[in-house]
C-alpha cells in the first residue's frame, strides 16, 4: 500500500480522480505512469504533477516520510504523530490480515510505542492507538470465526431429478407460488446481494492480485488467506443462474413456462432499476443457458422486447460498454442520493474483479527508471474504495424471510438434469440434439 505524504488514504477521501478518460473500457489508458512534465516538478527522486506525487524511488519515499535531526515531514512533531496514527488506523482497518502473525503485530506495537512517546502530555495519541489496537484484535477474531463457519458449510444441494423423469408434480411449489411480484423478488435479491457483499473486505480483493502473481511466478502461496467471502459470493451468482434455469425447465406446461420466463425478465428489469446489476446478470445468464435457450416453442410465446433491452445493457461487445455506461449512471445517482434506496449500486462482480486484475497486469509496479508507479496503485485503491462504499449501503427494503429462504434453499437441477427436463418439454430438433438426448438416456439407464 502506497501513501501520498500530503494526503490521507482513500477511506477519508478519494485521492485520485479517474484518469481513464471517456472511454467505455473502464480500464486504465496506456499513458498511466509516465513521468510528470509541464507543471510537474521533481524533489530529489520524487516526481510530482500538479502537487500530487506520481512516482518515486522507495528510498526517496522513505527519506521523505522519516524525520531526521534537521527535518520533519510536518512542521509540528505532534501533527506528524497524528498522521502516523491515522496511517496505521486506516491500514489496520482495511488490511487487518497484514497483522495476523506475531512478527507483524510485534512491529506494530514497537511503532506505536515510539509514537506515544511524542504525545505524553495529553495522551490523545495513546488513546487513539489503544482504540485502534482493540478494533484490530476484534476484527481478526471476527474474521477467524467467519472462516471457521464457512469451512463447515456445505455447497447447496443440487437436485438431479429422478432417472428420466425430472418433471415435478404440477402442484409442487415454484417461485411464483412464493412471490409473484417482480419488484418484491428483486428487492429480496438485493437484500441477499448486500448481505453477502458486505462480508468482502479490501484485502480479499487484493489477495486476488497476490494469488495470481504467485501463479504467474510458478510459486505456491501456502500462506495465502482463503477468500471465503469471494467464493461464497461467486457461488451465489452461479446458484441464482441455475435456479432461474431450474424454475423454467421443470415447468410442465408451455403456457406456464412462458409465464415463468416473462416473470424473470421483469425481475431482471426491476434489478436494473434498483442498481442491482449482479442479480440482473445472473438472471440473464440463467435464461441464456442452453437448456433454456433451446426452448424455441416456449420463447416464441414470450414478449421479448423487454428481454432484448436487458441483453442490450449486458452486451459484451466493446468490453461491456453499455453496462459500464449504466453503471456510471447508477454511480452518479448514488453520489447525489439522499436516501438508501437511491444509493444502491451492486456491480457485476466478476467484471469488477477482472478490471482490477487487468489494471494490475498491464501496468508495472515500477517505471523504467525504477520509480514506484504511484498512478497504478492509486487507481487500484480508488476502484476498491468505490466498491467498498457500495457494500456499506444499508438495504432499505423490508426483508421477507419466506422468499429469501426459497431463493437460498430451493433445490436446483444439475446441468445434466436441466437438459433432460428441456428435452422432455420440447424434443430434440436436430441431429446434434438427438445425439445428446440419446447419450443422456443411455447414461441414466446405465446408472440406474
Protein backbone atom coordinates (compact mmCIF):
# COMPACT_ATOMS: atom_id res chain seq x y z
CA UNK A 1 0.00 0.00 0.00
CA UNK A 2 1.43 3.35 -1.06
CA UNK A 3 0.62 6.63 0.64
CA UNK A 4 0.94 10.16 -0.63
CA UNK A 5 2.65 12.25 2.07
CA UNK A 6 0.29 15.21 1.82
CA UNK A 7 -2.97 13.28 1.95
CA UNK A 8 -4.83 10.56 3.81
CA UNK A 9 -5.79 7.23 2.32
CA UNK A 10 -8.89 6.81 0.14
CA UNK A 11 -11.08 5.88 3.13
CA UNK A 12 -11.20 9.54 4.09
CA UNK A 13 -11.23 10.97 0.59
CA UNK A 14 -10.93 9.72 -2.95
CA UNK A 15 -7.41 10.84 -3.66
CA UNK A 16 -7.19 10.05 -7.33
CA UNK A 17 -9.77 11.32 -9.75
CA UNK A 18 -10.16 8.99 -12.67
CA UNK A 19 -7.64 9.44 -15.43
CA UNK A 20 -9.22 6.82 -17.63
CA UNK A 21 -10.83 9.37 -19.90
CA UNK A 22 -14.24 9.00 -21.56
CA UNK A 23 -13.53 5.53 -22.93
CA UNK A 24 -16.09 2.86 -22.16
CA UNK A 25 -13.37 0.31 -21.46
CA UNK A 26 -13.37 1.02 -17.74
CA UNK A 27 -9.65 0.30 -17.72
CA UNK A 28 -6.54 2.39 -17.47
CA UNK A 29 -5.18 4.03 -20.57
CA UNK A 30 -1.66 3.42 -21.90
CA UNK A 31 -0.36 6.76 -20.61
CA UNK A 32 -0.57 5.67 -16.98
CA UNK A 33 2.69 6.03 -15.13
CA UNK A 34 4.53 8.45 -17.39
CA UNK A 35 6.93 10.90 -15.83
CA UNK A 36 5.20 14.15 -14.90
CA UNK A 37 6.04 17.14 -17.05
CA UNK A 38 4.86 20.69 -17.56
CA UNK A 39 3.58 21.88 -14.21
CA UNK A 40 5.13 18.87 -12.55
CA UNK A 41 8.42 19.14 -10.72
CA UNK A 42 10.95 16.87 -9.08
CA UNK A 43 12.03 16.86 -5.44
CA UNK A 44 15.04 14.59 -5.36
CA UNK A 45 13.82 11.25 -6.69
CA UNK A 46 10.16 12.10 -6.07
CA UNK A 47 8.14 13.21 -9.08
CA UNK A 48 5.13 15.48 -8.53
CA UNK A 49 2.49 16.55 -11.01
CA UNK A 50 0.14 19.40 -10.08
CA UNK A 51 1.16 18.97 -6.46
CA UNK A 52 0.46 15.20 -6.45
CA UNK A 53 3.08 12.52 -6.04
CA UNK A 54 3.02 10.26 -9.11
CA UNK A 55 6.28 8.31 -8.83
CA UNK A 56 9.45 7.97 -6.87
CA UNK A 57 12.01 5.51 -5.63
CA UNK A 58 11.30 3.62 -2.43
CA UNK A 59 14.45 5.12 -0.87
CA UNK A 60 13.33 8.69 -1.67
CA UNK A 61 9.85 8.00 -0.32
CA UNK A 62 11.21 6.69 2.96
CA UNK A 63 13.55 9.66 3.22
CA UNK A 64 10.59 11.98 2.67
CA UNK A 65 8.49 10.25 5.34
CA UNK A 66 11.07 9.65 8.08
CA UNK A 67 12.08 12.60 10.30
CA UNK A 68 15.74 13.50 10.83
CA UNK A 69 17.59 15.82 13.17
CA UNK A 70 17.13 18.77 10.83
CA UNK A 71 13.89 17.73 9.08
CA UNK A 72 10.35 16.77 9.96
CA UNK A 73 7.74 15.88 7.29
CA UNK A 74 5.45 18.22 9.19
CA UNK A 75 6.31 21.45 10.96
CA UNK A 76 4.98 20.11 14.24
CA UNK A 77 6.03 16.80 15.69
CA UNK A 78 2.62 16.25 17.26
CA UNK A 79 0.95 16.71 13.90
CA UNK A 80 3.34 14.18 12.41
CA UNK A 81 2.47 11.70 15.16
CA UNK A 82 -1.21 12.14 14.45
CA UNK A 83 -0.64 11.40 10.77
CA UNK A 84 1.28 8.23 11.63
CA UNK A 85 -1.60 7.11 13.83
CA UNK A 86 -4.09 7.88 11.04
CA UNK A 87 -1.97 5.88 8.61
CA UNK A 88 -1.84 2.90 10.97
CA UNK A 89 -5.55 3.17 11.77
CA UNK A 90 -6.61 3.02 8.13
CA UNK A 91 -4.08 0.27 7.39
CA UNK A 92 -5.35 -1.95 10.23
CA UNK A 93 -8.98 -1.30 9.28
CA UNK A 94 -8.53 -2.04 5.58
CA UNK A 95 -5.97 -4.87 5.82
CA UNK A 96 -6.14 -6.48 9.28
CA UNK A 97 -4.72 -9.77 7.98
CA UNK A 98 -1.39 -7.99 7.46
CA UNK A 99 -1.08 -8.15 11.26
CA UNK A 100 -2.27 -11.68 11.96
CA UNK A 101 1.20 -13.15 12.57
CA UNK A 102 3.19 -12.42 15.72
CA UNK A 103 6.08 -10.70 13.93
CA UNK A 104 3.86 -8.13 12.24
CA UNK A 105 1.96 -7.48 15.47
CA UNK A 106 5.23 -7.03 17.36
CA UNK A 107 6.41 -4.48 14.79
CA UNK A 108 3.11 -2.61 15.09
CA UNK A 109 3.47 -2.47 18.88
CA UNK A 110 7.04 -1.20 18.57
CA UNK A 111 5.99 1.61 16.22
CA UNK A 112 3.01 2.66 18.33
CA UNK A 113 5.15 2.65 21.48
CA UNK A 114 7.58 5.12 19.94
CA UNK A 115 4.76 7.32 18.64
CA UNK A 116 3.08 7.54 22.04
CA UNK A 117 6.27 8.98 23.49
CA UNK A 118 5.73 12.06 21.31
CA UNK A 119 2.40 12.77 23.00
CA UNK A 120 2.94 12.16 26.68
CA UNK A 121 1.32 15.45 27.71
CA UNK A 122 -2.39 14.87 26.97
CA UNK A 123 -2.47 11.22 25.90
CA UNK A 124 -4.57 11.83 22.78
CA UNK A 125 -2.36 9.68 20.57
CA UNK A 126 -2.16 6.98 23.23
CA UNK A 127 -5.96 6.71 23.44
CA UNK A 128 -6.26 6.59 19.65
CA UNK A 129 -3.69 3.79 19.46
CA UNK A 130 -5.46 1.81 22.21
CA UNK A 131 -8.74 2.07 20.32
CA UNK A 132 -7.06 1.10 17.05
CA UNK A 133 -5.43 -1.96 18.64
CA UNK A 134 -8.69 -3.11 20.19
CA UNK A 135 -10.54 -2.76 16.87
CA UNK A 136 -7.79 -4.70 15.10
CA UNK A 137 -7.99 -7.61 17.56
CA UNK A 138 -11.79 -7.72 17.31
CA UNK A 139 -11.60 -7.70 13.53
CA UNK A 140 -9.09 -10.56 13.44
CA UNK A 141 -11.21 -12.60 15.86
CA UNK A 142 -14.41 -11.99 13.87
CA UNK A 143 -12.83 -12.98 10.57
CA UNK A 144 -11.32 -16.08 12.10
CA UNK A 145 -14.78 -17.16 13.27
CA UNK A 146 -16.23 -16.37 9.84
CA UNK A 147 -13.66 -18.62 8.15
CA UNK A 148 -14.39 -21.46 10.56
CA UNK A 149 -18.10 -21.14 9.81
CA UNK A 150 -17.50 -21.15 6.04
CA UNK A 151 -15.41 -24.31 6.33
CA UNK A 152 -18.34 -26.09 7.98
CA UNK A 153 -20.87 -25.01 5.36
CA UNK A 154 -21.61 -27.37 2.51
CA UNK A 155 -22.42 -26.32 -1.06
CA UNK A 156 -26.16 -26.04 -1.76
CA UNK A 157 -27.88 -29.31 -2.58
CA UNK A 158 -28.34 -29.96 -6.30
CA UNK A 159 -31.45 -31.86 -7.29
CA UNK A 160 -30.51 -34.11 -10.20
CA UNK A 161 -34.02 -35.35 -10.60
CA UNK A 162 -35.25 -38.95 -10.86
CA UNK A 163 -33.99 -41.05 -13.72
CA UNK A 164 -35.59 -39.82 -16.96
CA UNK A 165 -38.44 -38.22 -15.07
CA UNK A 166 -37.27 -34.85 -13.85
CA UNK A 167 -40.64 -33.12 -14.03
CA UNK A 168 -42.19 -32.47 -10.61
CA UNK A 169 -45.91 -32.83 -9.90
CA UNK A 170 -47.89 -29.88 -11.20
CA UNK A 171 -48.88 -28.89 -7.65
CA UNK A 172 -45.28 -28.62 -6.43
CA UNK A 173 -44.34 -25.15 -5.23
CA UNK A 174 -42.32 -22.94 -7.56
CA UNK A 175 -41.06 -19.36 -7.28
CA UNK A 176 -44.39 -17.94 -8.49
CA UNK A 177 -46.11 -19.76 -5.64
CA UNK A 178 -43.84 -17.91 -3.20
CA UNK A 179 -43.66 -14.48 -4.84
CA UNK A 180 -45.49 -13.30 -7.94
CA UNK A 181 -44.41 -9.64 -7.73
CA UNK A 182 -41.22 -8.98 -9.76
CA UNK A 183 -40.36 -5.85 -7.76
CA UNK A 184 -40.62 -7.66 -4.43
CA UNK A 185 -38.42 -10.50 -5.66
CA UNK A 186 -35.86 -8.01 -6.99
CA UNK A 187 -35.82 -6.31 -3.58
CA UNK A 188 -35.23 -9.62 -1.80
CA UNK A 189 -32.42 -10.46 -4.23
CA UNK A 190 -30.90 -7.07 -3.40
CA UNK A 191 -31.11 -7.93 0.30
CA UNK A 192 -29.16 -11.13 -0.31
CA UNK A 193 -26.61 -9.36 -2.52
CA UNK A 194 -25.88 -6.62 0.04
CA UNK A 195 -25.71 -9.13 2.87
CA UNK A 196 -23.14 -11.24 1.05
CA UNK A 197 -21.10 -8.45 -0.48
CA UNK A 198 -20.81 -6.71 2.92
CA UNK A 199 -18.53 -9.54 4.09
CA UNK A 200 -15.97 -8.73 1.37
CA UNK A 201 -13.04 -6.61 2.52
CA UNK A 202 -10.31 -4.73 0.61
CA UNK A 203 -7.72 -7.36 1.48
CA UNK A 204 -9.91 -10.05 -0.11
CA UNK A 205 -9.75 -8.16 -3.39
CA UNK A 206 -6.01 -7.54 -3.09
CA UNK A 207 -5.41 -11.24 -2.46
CA UNK A 208 -6.76 -11.95 -5.94
CA UNK A 209 -3.81 -9.99 -7.31
CA UNK A 210 -1.40 -11.62 -4.88
CA UNK A 211 -2.64 -15.10 -5.73
CA UNK A 212 -2.47 -14.58 -9.49
CA UNK A 213 1.04 -13.14 -9.17
CA UNK A 214 2.12 -16.29 -7.35
CA UNK A 215 0.65 -18.44 -10.13
CA UNK A 216 2.38 -16.35 -12.81
CA UNK A 217 5.67 -16.81 -10.99
CA UNK A 218 5.04 -20.56 -10.57
CA UNK A 219 5.02 -20.22 -6.80
CA UNK A 220 2.64 -21.83 -4.37
CA UNK A 221 1.37 -19.34 -1.83
CA UNK A 222 0.98 -21.56 1.18
CA UNK A 223 0.28 -18.57 3.43
CA UNK A 224 -2.46 -17.15 1.20
CA UNK A 225 -5.56 -16.46 3.25
CA UNK A 226 -8.54 -18.25 1.77
CA UNK A 227 -11.00 -15.76 0.35
CA UNK A 228 -14.16 -17.40 1.66
CA UNK A 229 -16.23 -14.26 1.10
CA UNK A 230 -15.32 -14.12 -2.58
CA UNK A 231 -16.02 -17.82 -3.06
CA UNK A 232 -19.40 -17.52 -1.36
CA UNK A 233 -20.34 -14.52 -3.46
CA UNK A 234 -19.28 -16.20 -6.68
CA UNK A 235 -21.23 -19.34 -5.73
CA UNK A 236 -24.32 -17.21 -5.10
CA UNK A 237 -24.19 -15.86 -8.67
CA UNK A 238 -23.91 -19.37 -10.11
CA UNK A 239 -26.69 -20.73 -7.90
CA UNK A 240 -29.04 -17.91 -8.87
CA UNK A 241 -28.39 -18.58 -12.57
CA UNK A 242 -29.06 -22.30 -12.10
CA UNK A 243 -32.17 -21.60 -10.01
CA UNK A 244 -33.64 -19.48 -12.80
CA UNK A 245 -32.94 -22.24 -15.33
CA UNK A 246 -34.41 -24.86 -12.99
CA UNK A 247 -37.60 -22.89 -12.40
CA UNK A 248 -38.14 -22.59 -16.16
CA UNK A 249 -37.17 -26.10 -17.26
CA UNK A 250 -39.10 -28.01 -14.60
CA UNK A 251 -42.45 -26.44 -15.53
CA UNK A 252 -44.66 -29.00 -17.27
CA UNK A 253 -46.94 -26.80 -19.40
CA UNK A 254 -45.66 -24.47 -22.12
CA UNK A 255 -48.07 -21.72 -21.07
CA UNK A 256 -46.65 -21.75 -17.54
CA UNK A 257 -43.06 -21.84 -18.84
CA UNK A 258 -43.82 -18.75 -20.88
CA UNK A 259 -45.18 -17.01 -17.80
CA UNK A 260 -42.08 -18.03 -15.82
CA UNK A 261 -39.74 -16.57 -18.44
CA UNK A 262 -41.67 -13.31 -18.58
CA UNK A 263 -41.66 -13.13 -14.78
CA UNK A 264 -37.86 -13.44 -14.59
CA UNK A 265 -37.47 -10.86 -17.36
CA UNK A 266 -39.50 -8.44 -15.22
CA UNK A 267 -37.44 -9.33 -12.14
CA UNK A 268 -34.21 -8.63 -14.03
CA UNK A 269 -35.60 -5.29 -15.21
CA UNK A 270 -36.50 -4.32 -11.62
CA UNK A 271 -32.99 -5.31 -10.52
CA UNK A 272 -31.61 -2.98 -13.18
CA UNK A 273 -33.80 -0.12 -11.96
CA UNK A 274 -32.65 -0.68 -8.38
CA UNK A 275 -28.97 -0.76 -9.38
CA UNK A 276 -28.55 -4.46 -8.65
CA UNK A 277 -26.57 -5.38 -11.75
CA UNK A 278 -25.14 -8.60 -10.30
CA UNK A 279 -28.54 -10.27 -9.83
CA UNK A 280 -29.66 -8.93 -13.20
CA UNK A 281 -26.66 -10.55 -14.92
CA UNK A 282 -27.20 -13.83 -13.05
CA UNK A 283 -30.84 -13.98 -14.18
CA UNK A 284 -29.95 -13.22 -17.80
CA UNK A 285 -27.19 -15.85 -17.65
CA UNK A 286 -29.69 -18.41 -16.37
CA UNK A 287 -32.11 -17.71 -19.23
CA UNK A 288 -29.25 -17.92 -21.74
CA UNK A 289 -28.13 -21.37 -20.59
CA UNK A 290 -28.52 -23.89 -23.42
CA UNK A 291 -31.32 -25.95 -21.80
CA UNK A 292 -33.45 -22.79 -21.55
CA UNK A 293 -32.33 -21.02 -24.73
CA UNK A 294 -33.21 -24.05 -26.90
CA UNK A 295 -36.90 -23.96 -25.88
CA UNK A 296 -37.89 -22.20 -29.11
CA UNK A 297 -41.60 -23.02 -28.91
CA UNK A 298 -41.76 -21.51 -25.43
CA UNK A 299 -39.72 -18.44 -26.37
CA UNK A 300 -41.97 -17.85 -29.40
CA UNK A 301 -44.81 -17.07 -26.97
CA UNK A 302 -42.71 -14.69 -24.86
CA UNK A 303 -42.89 -10.94 -25.35
CA UNK A 304 -39.17 -10.49 -25.79
CA UNK A 305 -38.94 -6.70 -26.25
CA UNK A 306 -38.02 -6.16 -22.57
CA UNK A 307 -35.55 -9.04 -22.66
CA UNK A 308 -33.88 -7.54 -25.74
CA UNK A 309 -33.38 -4.29 -23.81
CA UNK A 310 -31.77 -6.18 -20.91
CA UNK A 311 -29.44 -8.06 -23.24
CA UNK A 312 -28.51 -4.75 -24.85
CA UNK A 313 -27.41 -3.44 -21.45
CA UNK A 314 -25.31 -6.57 -20.91
CA UNK A 315 -23.94 -6.79 -24.45
CA UNK A 316 -20.28 -7.93 -24.07
CA UNK A 317 -19.09 -6.06 -27.17
CA UNK A 318 -16.63 -3.18 -26.68
CA UNK A 319 -15.80 -4.61 -23.25
CA UNK A 320 -19.38 -4.30 -21.94
CA UNK A 321 -19.56 -0.64 -22.92
CA UNK A 322 -23.35 -0.43 -22.45
CA UNK A 323 -23.18 -1.95 -18.99
CA UNK A 324 -20.35 0.39 -17.96
CA UNK A 325 -22.41 3.38 -19.09
CA UNK A 326 -25.36 2.18 -16.98
CA UNK A 327 -23.03 1.53 -14.03
CA UNK A 328 -21.62 5.04 -14.32
CA UNK A 329 -25.14 6.45 -14.28
CA UNK A 330 -26.02 4.43 -11.17
CA UNK A 331 -22.81 5.59 -9.52
CA UNK A 332 -23.63 9.24 -10.17
CA UNK A 333 -27.14 8.71 -8.81
CA UNK A 334 -25.66 7.10 -5.70
CA UNK A 335 -23.30 10.01 -5.10
CA UNK A 336 -26.14 12.53 -5.30
CA UNK A 337 -28.65 10.40 -3.38
CA UNK A 338 -30.44 11.44 -0.20
CA UNK A 339 -31.96 8.03 0.51
CA UNK A 340 -30.57 4.50 0.83
CA UNK A 341 -32.84 3.36 -2.00
CA UNK A 342 -31.03 5.64 -4.46
CA UNK A 343 -27.57 4.76 -3.12
CA UNK A 344 -27.69 1.10 -4.14
CA UNK A 345 -25.01 0.08 -6.63
CA UNK A 346 -24.19 -3.63 -6.94
CA UNK A 347 -21.84 -4.13 -9.89
CA UNK A 348 -21.38 -7.35 -11.84
CA UNK A 349 -18.77 -8.76 -9.50
CA UNK A 350 -16.77 -10.93 -11.88
CA UNK A 351 -16.36 -7.96 -14.25
CA UNK A 352 -15.20 -5.77 -11.38
CA UNK A 353 -12.59 -8.37 -10.38
CA UNK A 354 -11.40 -8.70 -13.97
CA UNK A 355 -11.00 -4.93 -14.23
CA UNK A 356 -8.87 -4.81 -11.08
CA UNK A 357 -6.70 -7.65 -12.25
CA UNK A 358 -6.37 -6.24 -15.77
CA UNK A 359 -5.33 -2.89 -14.33
CA UNK A 360 -2.70 -4.70 -12.29
CA UNK A 361 -1.36 -6.78 -15.16
CA UNK A 362 -0.98 -4.17 -17.89
CA UNK A 363 0.82 -1.62 -15.71
CA UNK A 364 4.07 -2.41 -13.95
CA UNK A 365 4.75 -1.75 -10.28
CA UNK A 366 7.89 0.16 -11.24
CA UNK A 367 8.60 2.61 -14.05
CA UNK A 368 11.63 2.15 -16.35
CA UNK A 369 13.66 4.48 -14.11
CA UNK A 370 12.98 2.25 -11.12
CA UNK A 371 10.43 4.56 -9.51
CA UNK A 372 7.30 3.15 -7.89
CA UNK A 373 4.33 3.66 -10.22
CA UNK A 374 2.02 5.57 -7.88
CA UNK A 375 -0.61 6.19 -10.55
CA UNK A 376 -1.26 2.48 -10.86
CA UNK A 377 -1.65 1.91 -7.15
CA UNK A 378 -3.79 4.98 -6.60
CA UNK A 379 -6.17 3.85 -9.35
CA UNK A 380 -6.46 0.35 -7.89
CA UNK A 381 -7.05 1.95 -4.50
CA UNK A 382 -9.69 4.29 -5.94
CA UNK A 383 -11.66 1.47 -7.55
CA UNK A 384 -11.56 -0.72 -4.44
CA UNK A 385 -12.58 2.24 -2.27
CA UNK A 386 -15.55 2.92 -4.56
CA UNK A 387 -16.60 -0.74 -4.36
CA UNK A 388 -16.32 -0.74 -0.56
CA UNK A 389 -18.52 2.37 -0.42
CA UNK A 390 -21.23 0.47 -2.30
CA UNK A 391 -21.02 -2.51 0.08
CA UNK A 392 -21.75 -0.31 3.10
CA UNK A 393 -25.19 0.84 1.90
CA UNK A 394 -27.98 -0.31 4.19
CA UNK A 395 -30.73 -2.14 2.31
CA UNK A 396 -33.92 -0.05 2.56
CA UNK A 397 -36.33 -2.84 1.65
CA UNK A 398 -38.27 -4.88 4.17
CA UNK A 399 -36.90 -8.40 4.45
CA UNK A 400 -39.21 -11.31 3.60
CA UNK A 401 -37.80 -14.43 5.23
CA UNK A 402 -40.10 -16.77 3.32
CA UNK A 403 -38.96 -15.51 -0.08
CA UNK A 404 -35.31 -15.40 0.92
CA UNK A 405 -35.49 -18.92 2.30
CA UNK A 406 -36.81 -20.16 -1.03
CA UNK A 407 -34.14 -18.33 -3.01
CA UNK A 408 -31.35 -19.70 -0.83
CA UNK A 409 -32.55 -23.27 -0.23
CA UNK A 410 -34.74 -24.32 -3.19
CA UNK A 411 -33.25 -27.40 -4.92
CA UNK A 412 -31.62 -26.70 -8.26
CA UNK A 413 -31.00 -29.07 -11.14
CA UNK A 414 -27.59 -30.07 -12.35
CA UNK A 415 -26.71 -29.20 -15.95
CA UNK A 416 -27.46 -32.79 -16.93
CA UNK A 417 -30.91 -32.70 -15.31
CA UNK A 418 -31.66 -29.35 -16.95
CA UNK A 419 -31.05 -30.84 -20.41
CA UNK A 420 -33.23 -33.83 -19.62
CA UNK A 421 -36.09 -31.58 -18.44
CA UNK A 422 -35.61 -29.37 -21.51
CA UNK A 423 -35.75 -32.32 -23.93
CA UNK A 424 -38.85 -33.67 -22.18
CA UNK A 425 -40.56 -30.30 -22.66
CA UNK A 426 -39.52 -29.83 -26.28
CA UNK A 427 -37.97 -32.77 -28.11
CA UNK A 428 -34.62 -32.57 -29.93
CA UNK A 429 -34.82 -30.74 -33.25
CA UNK A 430 -31.57 -31.62 -35.00
CA UNK A 431 -29.01 -34.42 -35.19
CA UNK A 432 -26.78 -32.86 -32.55
CA UNK A 433 -29.61 -32.57 -30.05
CA UNK A 434 -30.82 -36.10 -30.86
CA UNK A 435 -27.35 -37.48 -30.18
CA UNK A 436 -27.15 -35.55 -26.90
CA UNK A 437 -30.57 -36.80 -25.82
CA UNK A 438 -29.67 -40.37 -26.71
CA UNK A 439 -26.40 -40.15 -24.76
CA UNK A 440 -28.17 -38.75 -21.71
CA UNK A 441 -30.79 -41.50 -21.72
CA UNK A 442 -28.16 -44.20 -22.09
CA UNK A 443 -26.06 -42.73 -19.29
CA UNK A 444 -29.00 -42.53 -16.91
CA UNK A 445 -30.25 -46.02 -17.73
CA UNK A 446 -26.78 -47.47 -17.11
CA UNK A 447 -26.54 -45.51 -13.87
CA UNK A 448 -29.89 -46.92 -12.76
